[in-house]
Amino acid sequence: MDLALDHDQRLIVDTAERLLADAASSSATRAAADGADGIDHALWQQMAAMGWCGVHLPEAQGGLGLGIVELALLQEQLGRRLACVPFFDSVVLAGTLLREAANAQAQGRWLPALAAGESIAALADESENDSGTAHATPDNGAWTLAGDWPRAGSAAQADLLLLPARSTDGEALLFAGTLRCRVCRSRSGPPSTARAAVPPCRHSACGSMATPLSRGVRAWRRPCGVRGHRGVALAAEQLGVAQQA
């Protein structure tokens, strides 16, 4: 097996190294981390302009149509700089889930905005919901969500939430949409790197969502692609941190 990077992959690495060395310096990272929401918005927009926010999303939805290798290469360089951007949460986790689990209508609604960097998405970890504290109730053709999602990376910064819940009869559901909710905005570090001790981001939903994104086992256990991308991207980020150190 040939593990050497090809020309285009090497170009991605070189471009990322140059951009982040300038835009994600120690001083810029500290300033962003101490900002109101912990995001370097100028860097995020530069990344979006380069296509990074949609690196592995379909071209039809504004992405680059590349794969997990290119995704990991970017995550590695972001880890080297501890960049204050929600790449892991919004692009790797939420973007992959929408690509893998959503129907064409949902993809057309959400993926172009994610790929363009116009939206930031947060994915609640299903392991925190096994106790059934989040519930979805039918409400005049829509669904009303109520409960707590204790662990959802970048939730305090997100405008799109991917939330698991259970219906009144116990069915597992996964919702995507914007909710009016209460959020705990406490942070323990830059949103892309503080995953070892993610602060609890409490969401109490008081809005309605039309239909679930997916249902049953598919909704609750996540597509295999999300788990695989999560592990590879997190390992790549840690590699970048170690290399820089």
C-alpha atoms as a PDB file:
ATOM      1  CA  MET A   1       0.000   0.000   0.000  1.00  0.00           C
ATOM      2  CA  ASP A   2       1.368   3.395  -1.031  1.00  0.00           C
ATOM      3  CA  LEU A   3       0.779   5.894   1.777  1.00  0.00           C
ATOM      4  CA  ALA A   4       2.640   8.762   0.123  1.00  0.00           C
ATOM      5  CA  LEU A   5       0.652  11.931  -0.498  1.00  0.00           C
ATOM      6  CA  ASP A   6      -0.121  12.754  -4.095  1.00  0.00           C
ATOM      7  CA  HIS A   7       0.531  16.164  -5.633  1.00  0.00           C
ATOM      8  CA  ASP A   8      -2.880  17.617  -4.776  1.00  0.00           C
ATOM      9  CA  GLN A   9      -2.724  16.372  -1.190  1.00  0.00           C
ATOM     10  CA  ARG A  10       0.746  17.818  -0.755  1.00  0.00           C
ATOM     11  CA  LEU A  11      -0.566  21.103  -2.082  1.00  0.00           C
ATOM     12  CA  ILE A  12      -3.315  21.074   0.543  1.00  0.00           C
ATOM     13  CA  VAL A  13      -0.747  20.574   3.306  1.00  0.00           C
ATOM     14  CA  ASP A  14       1.577  23.299   2.016  1.00  0.00           C
ATOM     15  CA  THR A  15      -1.276  25.765   1.585  1.00  0.00           C
ATOM     16  CA  ALA A  16      -2.619  25.035   5.053  1.00  0.00           C
ATOM     17  CA  GLU A  17       0.822  25.412   6.618  1.00  0.00           C
ATOM     18  CA  ARG A  18       1.340  28.827   5.022  1.00  0.00           C
ATOM     19  CA  LEU A  19      -2.119  30.141   5.795  1.00  0.00           C
ATOM     20  CA  LEU A  20      -2.185  29.001   9.412  1.00  0.00           C
ATOM     21  CA  ALA A  21       1.357  30.116  10.150  1.00  0.00           C
ATOM     22  CA  ASP A  22       0.250  33.638   9.301  1.00  0.00           C
ATOM     23  CA  ALA A  23      -3.413  33.693  10.358  1.00  0.00           C
ATOM     24  CA  ALA A  24      -3.249  31.441  13.445  1.00  0.00           C
ATOM     25  CA  SER A  25      -0.165  32.774  15.191  1.00  0.00           C
ATOM     26  CA  SER A  26       0.085  32.463  18.967  1.00  0.00           C
ATOM     27  CA  SER A  27      -1.079  36.024  19.474  1.00  0.00           C
ATOM     28  CA  ALA A  28      -4.021  35.648  17.080  1.00  0.00           C
ATOM     29  CA  THR A  29      -5.066  32.377  18.710  1.00  0.00           C
ATOM     30  CA  ARG A  30      -4.937  33.862  22.205  1.00  0.00           C
ATOM     31  CA  ALA A  31      -6.939  36.885  21.093  1.00  0.00           C
ATOM     32  CA  ALA A  32      -9.612  34.680  19.519  1.00  0.00           C
ATOM     33  CA  ALA A  33      -9.748  32.362  22.528  1.00  0.00           C
ATOM     34  CA  ASP A  34     -10.357  35.338  24.805  1.00  0.00           C
ATOM     35  CA  GLY A  35     -13.023  36.783  22.504  1.00  0.00           C
ATOM     36  CA  ALA A  36     -16.754  36.782  23.020  1.00  0.00           C
ATOM     37  CA  ASP A  37     -17.420  33.409  21.398  1.00  0.00           C
ATOM     38  CA  GLY A  38     -13.957  31.850  21.156  1.00  0.00           C
ATOM     39  CA  ILE A  39     -13.939  31.727  17.347  1.00  0.00           C
ATOM     40  CA  ASP A  40     -11.446  33.364  15.004  1.00  0.00           C
ATOM     41  CA  HIS A  41     -14.027  34.560  12.499  1.00  0.00           C
ATOM     42  CA  ALA A  42     -11.470  36.050  10.111  1.00  0.00           C
ATOM     43  CA  LEU A  43      -9.660  32.707   9.893  1.00  0.00           C
ATOM     44  CA  TRP A  44     -12.949  30.844   9.524  1.00  0.00           C
ATOM     45  CA  GLN A  45     -13.868  32.979   6.518  1.00  0.00           C
ATOM     46  CA  GLN A  46     -10.446  32.411   4.941  1.00  0.00           C
ATOM     47  CA  MET A  47     -10.903  28.663   5.418  1.00  0.00           C
ATOM     48  CA  ALA A  48     -14.345  28.852   3.834  1.00  0.00           C
ATOM     49  CA  ALA A  49     -12.948  30.754   0.853  1.00  0.00           C
ATOM     50  CA  MET A  50     -10.369  27.981   0.399  1.00  0.00           C
ATOM     51  CA  GLY A  51     -13.138  25.371   0.409  1.00  0.00           C
ATOM     52  CA  TRP A  52     -12.042  23.759   3.662  1.00  0.00           C
ATOM     53  CA  CYS A  53     -15.484  23.940   5.290  1.00  0.00           C
ATOM     54  CA  GLY A  54     -16.789  21.656   2.559  1.00  0.00           C
ATOM     55  CA  VAL A  55     -13.660  19.652   1.839  1.00  0.00           C
ATOM     56  CA  HIS A  56     -15.424  16.266   2.005  1.00  0.00           C
ATOM     57  CA  LEU A  57     -18.943  17.412   1.134  1.00  0.00           C
ATOM     58  CA  PRO A  58     -20.501  16.748  -2.298  1.00  0.00           C
ATOM     59  CA  GLU A  59     -19.673  19.162  -5.080  1.00  0.00           C
ATOM     60  CA  ALA A  60     -23.384  19.448  -5.802  1.00  0.00           C
ATOM     61  CA  GLN A  61     -23.789  21.018  -2.350  1.00  0.00           C
ATOM     62  CA  GLY A  62     -20.873  23.433  -2.673  1.00  0.00           C
ATOM     63  CA  GLY A  63     -18.174  21.118  -1.332  1.00  0.00           C
ATOM     64  CA  LEU A  64     -14.906  19.980  -2.857  1.00  0.00           C
ATOM     65  CA  GLY A  65     -15.932  16.320  -3.039  1.00  0.00           C
ATOM     66  CA  LEU A  66     -12.676  15.070  -1.512  1.00  0.00           C
ATOM     67  CA  GLY A  67     -12.211  12.353   1.110  1.00  0.00           C
ATOM     68  CA  ILE A  68     -11.154  11.530   4.624  1.00  0.00           C
ATOM     69  CA  VAL A  69      -7.431  11.842   3.805  1.00  0.00           C
ATOM     70  CA  GLU A  70      -7.794  15.485   2.836  1.00  0.00           C
ATOM     71  CA  LEU A  71     -10.026  16.075   5.856  1.00  0.00           C
ATOM     72  CA  ALA A  72      -7.389  14.602   8.169  1.00  0.00           C
ATOM     73  CA  LEU A  73      -4.587  16.618   6.568  1.00  0.00           C
ATOM     74  CA  LEU A  74      -6.435  19.843   7.331  1.00  0.00           C
ATOM     75  CA  GLN A  75      -7.276  18.727  10.865  1.00  0.00           C
ATOM     76  CA  GLU A  76      -3.603  17.940  11.470  1.00  0.00           C
ATOM     77  CA  GLN A  77      -2.527  21.444  10.475  1.00  0.00           C
ATOM     78  CA  LEU A  78      -5.287  23.022  12.554  1.00  0.00           C
ATOM     79  CA  GLY A  79      -4.072  20.996  15.517  1.00  0.00           C
ATOM     80  CA  ARG A  80      -0.542  22.313  15.068  1.00  0.00           C
ATOM     81  CA  ARG A  81      -1.814  25.858  15.538  1.00  0.00           C
ATOM     82  CA  LEU A  82      -4.624  25.174  18.037  1.00  0.00           C
ATOM     83  CA  ALA A  83      -6.750  27.201  15.658  1.00  0.00           C
ATOM     84  CA  CYS A  84      -9.884  28.661  17.254  1.00  0.00           C
ATOM     85  CA  VAL A  85     -12.348  27.414  14.666  1.00  0.00           C
ATOM     86  CA  PRO A  86     -15.171  24.832  14.946  1.00  0.00           C
ATOM     87  CA  PHE A  87     -13.788  22.632  12.164  1.00  0.00           C
ATOM     88  CA  PHE A  88     -13.990  19.348  14.070  1.00  0.00           C
ATOM     89  CA  ASP A  89     -17.499  19.898  15.404  1.00  0.00           C
ATOM     90  CA  SER A  90     -19.124  21.570  12.411  1.00  0.00           C
ATOM     91  CA  VAL A  91     -17.282  20.089   9.421  1.00  0.00           C
ATOM     92  CA  VAL A  92     -16.073  16.677  10.586  1.00  0.00           C
ATOM     93  CA  LEU A  93     -18.979  15.628  12.810  1.00  0.00           C
ATOM     94  CA  ALA A  94     -22.069  17.542  11.712  1.00  0.00           C
ATOM     95  CA  GLY A  95     -21.104  17.748   8.047  1.00  0.00           C
ATOM     96  CA  THR A  96     -20.380  14.035   7.856  1.00  0.00           C
ATOM     97  CA  LEU A  97     -23.621  13.144   9.614  1.00  0.00           C
ATOM     98  CA  LEU A  98     -25.684  15.267   7.240  1.00  0.00           C
ATOM     99  CA  ARG A  99     -23.863  13.810   4.258  1.00  0.00           C
ATOM    100  CA  GLU A 100     -24.360  10.231   5.469  1.00  0.00           C
ATOM    101  CA  ALA A 101     -27.806  10.314   7.076  1.00  0.00           C
ATOM    102  CA  ALA A 102     -29.823  13.157   5.595  1.00  0.00           C
ATOM    103  CA  ASN A 103     -32.186  12.899   2.678  1.00  0.00           C
ATOM    104  CA  ALA A 104     -31.680  15.005  -0.444  1.00  0.00           C
ATOM    105  CA  GLN A 105     -34.015  17.731   0.786  1.00  0.00           C
ATOM    106  CA  ALA A 106     -32.183  18.122   4.110  1.00  0.00           C
ATOM    107  CA  GLN A 107     -28.800  18.063   2.405  1.00  0.00           C
ATOM    108  CA  GLY A 108     -29.895  20.782   0.014  1.00  0.00           C
ATOM    109  CA  ARG A 109     -31.093  22.872   2.928  1.00  0.00           C
ATOM    110  CA  TRP A 110     -28.084  22.612   5.237  1.00  0.00           C
ATOM    111  CA  LEU A 111     -24.943  21.469   3.414  1.00  0.00           C
ATOM    112  CA  PRO A 112     -24.389  24.499   1.138  1.00  0.00           C
ATOM    113  CA  ALA A 113     -24.404  26.826   4.146  1.00  0.00           C
ATOM    114  CA  LEU A 114     -21.960  24.576   6.005  1.00  0.00           C
ATOM    115  CA  ALA A 115     -19.682  24.289   2.991  1.00  0.00           C
ATOM    116  CA  ALA A 116     -19.661  28.069   2.583  1.00  0.00           C
ATOM    117  CA  GLY A 117     -18.839  28.631   6.245  1.00  0.00           C
ATOM    118  CA  GLU A 118     -22.053  30.593   6.643  1.00  0.00           C
ATOM    119  CA  SER A 119     -23.429  28.211   9.273  1.00  0.00           C
ATOM    120  CA  ILE A 120     -21.804  26.479  12.225  1.00  0.00           C
ATOM    121  CA  ALA A 121     -23.325  23.183  13.299  1.00  0.00           C
ATOM    122  CA  ALA A 122     -23.141  21.273  16.564  1.00  0.00           C
ATOM    123  CA  LEU A 123     -23.782  17.564  17.023  1.00  0.00           C
ATOM    124  CA  ALA A 124     -24.940  16.316  20.424  1.00  0.00           C
ATOM    125  CA  ASP A 125     -23.197  13.150  21.561  1.00  0.00           C
ATOM    126  CA  GLU A 126     -25.712  10.332  21.724  1.00  0.00           C
ATOM    127  CA  SER A 127     -23.919   8.656  24.646  1.00  0.00           C
ATOM    128  CA  GLU A 128     -25.142  11.425  26.917  1.00  0.00           C
ATOM    129  CA  ASN A 129     -28.739  10.819  25.902  1.00  0.00           C
ATOM    130  CA  ASP A 130     -28.998   7.106  26.648  1.00  0.00           C
ATOM    131  CA  SER A 131     -30.798   7.964  29.856  1.00  0.00           C
ATOM    132  CA  GLY A 132     -33.655   9.353  27.782  1.00  0.00           C
ATOM    133  CA  THR A 133     -33.625  12.887  29.201  1.00  0.00           C
ATOM    134  CA  ALA A 134     -34.423  14.452  25.799  1.00  0.00           C
ATOM    135  CA  HIS A 135     -37.903  13.881  24.447  1.00  0.00           C
ATOM    136  CA  ALA A 136     -39.749  14.715  21.237  1.00  0.00           C
ATOM    137  CA  THR A 137     -43.511  15.147  21.249  1.00  0.00           C
ATOM    138  CA  PRO A 138     -45.748  15.410  18.153  1.00  0.00           C
ATOM    139  CA  ASP A 139     -47.260  18.874  17.956  1.00  0.00           C
ATOM    140  CA  ASN A 140     -49.717  19.697  15.148  1.00  0.00           C
ATOM    141  CA  GLY A 141     -47.690  18.014  12.439  1.00  0.00           C
ATOM    142  CA  ALA A 142     -44.343  19.109  13.874  1.00  0.00           C
ATOM    143  CA  TRP A 143     -42.290  18.015  16.871  1.00  0.00           C
ATOM    144  CA  THR A 144     -41.544  19.798  20.122  1.00  0.00           C
ATOM    145  CA  LEU A 145     -38.230  18.934  21.762  1.00  0.00           C
ATOM    146  CA  ALA A 146     -37.548  19.247  25.478  1.00  0.00           C
ATOM    147  CA  GLY A 147     -34.594  18.130  27.544  1.00  0.00           C
ATOM    148  CA  ASP A 148     -30.874  18.541  28.130  1.00  0.00           C
ATOM    149  CA  TRP A 149     -28.002  17.676  25.784  1.00  0.00           C
ATOM    150  CA  PRO A 150     -25.020  17.895  28.152  1.00  0.00           C
ATOM    151  CA  ARG A 151     -22.272  17.397  25.552  1.00  0.00           C
ATOM    152  CA  ALA A 152     -22.433  19.121  22.175  1.00  0.00           C
ATOM    153  CA  GLY A 153     -19.176  20.606  20.905  1.00  0.00           C
ATOM    154  CA  SER A 154     -19.406  24.234  19.714  1.00  0.00           C
ATOM    155  CA  ALA A 155     -23.073  24.327  20.702  1.00  0.00           C
ATOM    156  CA  ALA A 156     -22.714  27.806  22.175  1.00  0.00           C
ATOM    157  CA  GLN A 157     -21.539  29.091  18.782  1.00  0.00           C
ATOM    158  CA  ALA A 158     -23.782  27.031  16.514  1.00  0.00           C
ATOM    159  CA  ASP A 159     -26.804  28.163  14.541  1.00  0.00           C
ATOM    160  CA  LEU A 160     -27.614  24.605  13.429  1.00  0.00           C
ATOM    161  CA  LEU A 161     -28.138  21.863  15.990  1.00  0.00           C
ATOM    162  CA  LEU A 162     -28.228  18.110  15.368  1.00  0.00           C
ATOM    163  CA  LEU A 163     -30.023  16.663  18.358  1.00  0.00           C
ATOM    164  CA  PRO A 164     -31.061  13.113  19.270  1.00  0.00           C
ATOM    165  CA  ALA A 165     -34.241  12.558  21.257  1.00  0.00           C
ATOM    166  CA  ARG A 166     -36.803   9.856  21.943  1.00  0.00           C
ATOM    167  CA  SER A 167     -40.457  10.004  21.071  1.00  0.00           C
ATOM    168  CA  THR A 168     -43.170   9.326  23.636  1.00  0.00           C
ATOM    169  CA  ASP A 169     -43.265   5.675  22.514  1.00  0.00           C
ATOM    170  CA  GLY A 170     -39.482   5.298  22.821  1.00  0.00           C
ATOM    171  CA  GLU A 171     -38.494   5.585  19.171  1.00  0.00           C
ATOM    172  CA  ALA A 172     -35.021   7.078  18.567  1.00  0.00           C
ATOM    173  CA  LEU A 173     -35.094  10.254  16.473  1.00  0.00           C
ATOM    174  CA  LEU A 174     -32.489  12.671  15.169  1.00  0.00           C
ATOM    175  CA  PHE A 175     -33.438  16.277  14.443  1.00  0.00           C
ATOM    176  CA  ALA A 176     -31.653  18.996  12.510  1.00  0.00           C
ATOM    177  CA  GLY A 177     -32.631  22.616  12.641  1.00  0.00           C
ATOM    178  CA  THR A 178     -32.447  25.878  14.485  1.00  0.00           C
ATOM    179  CA  LEU A 179     -34.005  26.054  17.924  1.00  0.00           C
ATOM    180  CA  ARG A 180     -34.812  28.794  20.370  1.00  0.00           C
ATOM    181  CA  CYS A 181     -32.971  27.484  23.390  1.00  0.00           C
ATOM    182  CA  ARG A 182     -31.055  28.416  26.479  1.00  0.00           C
ATOM    183  CA  VAL A 183     -27.321  27.838  26.222  1.00  0.00           C
ATOM    184  CA  CYS A 184     -24.580  27.739  28.824  1.00  0.00           C
ATOM    185  CA  ARG A 185     -21.740  29.614  27.127  1.00  0.00           C
ATOM    186  CA  SER A 186     -18.949  28.723  29.561  1.00  0.00           C
ATOM    187  CA  ARG A 187     -15.797  27.485  27.813  1.00  0.00           C
ATOM    188  CA  SER A 188     -12.617  25.781  28.939  1.00  0.00           C
ATOM    189  CA  GLY A 189     -10.573  26.599  25.837  1.00  0.00           C
ATOM    190  CA  PRO A 190     -10.641  27.076  22.069  1.00  0.00           C
ATOM    191  CA  PRO A 191     -13.632  25.245  20.577  1.00  0.00           C
ATOM    192  CA  SER A 192     -11.514  23.096  18.260  1.00  0.00           C
ATOM    193  CA  THR A 193      -9.128  21.762  20.908  1.00  0.00           C
ATOM    194  CA  ALA A 194     -10.844  21.557  24.306  1.00  0.00           C
ATOM    195  CA  ARG A 195     -12.508  18.212  23.702  1.00  0.00           C
ATOM    196  CA  ALA A 196     -10.877  16.406  26.604  1.00  0.00           C
ATOM    197  CA  ALA A 197     -12.957  18.532  28.956  1.00  0.00           C
ATOM    198  CA  VAL A 198     -15.851  19.870  26.891  1.00  0.00           C
ATOM    199  CA  PRO A 199     -17.895  22.178  29.108  1.00  0.00           C
ATOM    200  CA  PRO A 200     -21.551  21.243  29.536  1.00  0.00           C
ATOM    201  CA  CYS A 201     -23.654  23.135  26.993  1.00  0.00           C
ATOM    202  CA  ARG A 202     -27.223  22.871  28.191  1.00  0.00           C
ATOM    203  CA  HIS A 203     -30.005  23.242  25.651  1.00  0.00           C
ATOM    204  CA  SER A 204     -33.619  23.409  26.713  1.00  0.00           C
ATOM    205  CA  ALA A 205     -35.684  23.453  23.565  1.00  0.00           C
ATOM    206  CA  CYS A 206     -38.756  25.630  23.411  1.00  0.00           C
ATOM    207  CA  GLY A 207     -39.326  25.491  19.655  1.00  0.00           C
ATOM    208  CA  SER A 208     -40.684  23.055  17.100  1.00  0.00           C
ATOM    209  CA  MET A 209     -39.057  21.098  14.290  1.00  0.00           C
ATOM    210  CA  ALA A 210     -41.004  19.766  11.325  1.00  0.00           C
ATOM    211  CA  THR A 211     -39.722  16.217  10.822  1.00  0.00           C
ATOM    212  CA  PRO A 212     -36.851  14.077  12.091  1.00  0.00           C
ATOM    213  CA  LEU A 213     -33.701  13.860  10.009  1.00  0.00           C
ATOM    214  CA  SER A 214     -33.599  10.100  10.617  1.00  0.00           C
ATOM    215  CA  ARG A 215     -35.288   7.542  12.842  1.00  0.00           C
ATOM    216  CA  GLY A 216     -34.659   4.259  14.631  1.00  0.00           C
ATOM    217  CA  VAL A 217     -31.247   2.634  14.952  1.00  0.00           C
ATOM    218  CA  ARG A 218     -29.863   4.852  12.203  1.00  0.00           C
ATOM    219  CA  ALA A 219     -30.742   7.940  14.220  1.00  0.00           C
ATOM    220  CA  TRP A 220     -29.442   6.729  17.566  1.00  0.00           C
ATOM    221  CA  ARG A 221     -26.213   4.932  16.765  1.00  0.00           C
ATOM    222  CA  ARG A 222     -25.003   7.216  13.992  1.00  0.00           C
ATOM    223  CA  PRO A 223     -23.803   6.138  10.547  1.00  0.00           C
ATOM    224  CA  CYS A 224     -20.490   4.314  10.569  1.00  0.00           C
ATOM    225  CA  GLY A 225     -18.960   7.129   8.536  1.00  0.00           C
ATOM    226  CA  VAL A 226     -19.387   9.603  11.406  1.00  0.00           C
ATOM    227  CA  ARG A 227     -17.627   7.367  13.917  1.00  0.00           C
ATOM    228  CA  GLY A 228     -14.784   6.681  11.508  1.00  0.00           C
ATOM    229  CA  HIS A 229     -14.305  10.328  10.568  1.00  0.00           C
ATOM    230  CA  ARG A 230     -14.442  11.376  14.220  1.00  0.00           C
ATOM    231  CA  GLY A 231     -11.672   8.982  15.257  1.00  0.00           C
ATOM    232  CA  VAL A 232      -9.391   9.726  12.304  1.00  0.00           C
ATOM    233  CA  ALA A 233      -9.806  13.495  12.531  1.00  0.00           C
ATOM    234  CA  LEU A 234      -9.241  13.604  16.277  1.00  0.00           C
ATOM    235  CA  ALA A 235      -6.117  11.466  15.929  1.00  0.00           C
ATOM    236  CA  ALA A 236      -4.852  13.743  13.156  1.00  0.00           C
ATOM    237  CA  GLU A 237      -5.418  16.815  15.307  1.00  0.00           C
ATOM    238  CA  GLN A 238      -3.531  15.237  18.209  1.00  0.00           C
ATOM    239  CA  LEU A 239      -0.705  14.343  15.826  1.00  0.00           C
ATOM    240  CA  GLY A 240      -0.483  17.963  14.747  1.00  0.00           C
ATOM    241  CA  VAL A 241      -0.378  19.138  18.374  1.00  0.00           C
ATOM    242  CA  ALA A 242       2.406  16.656  19.178  1.00  0.00           C
ATOM    243  CA  GLN A 243       4.439  17.585  16.099  1.00  0.00           C
ATOM    244  CA  GLN A 244       4.307  21.282  16.917  1.00  0.00           C
ATOM    245  CA  ALA A 245       5.181  20.644  20.553  1.00  0.00           C
END
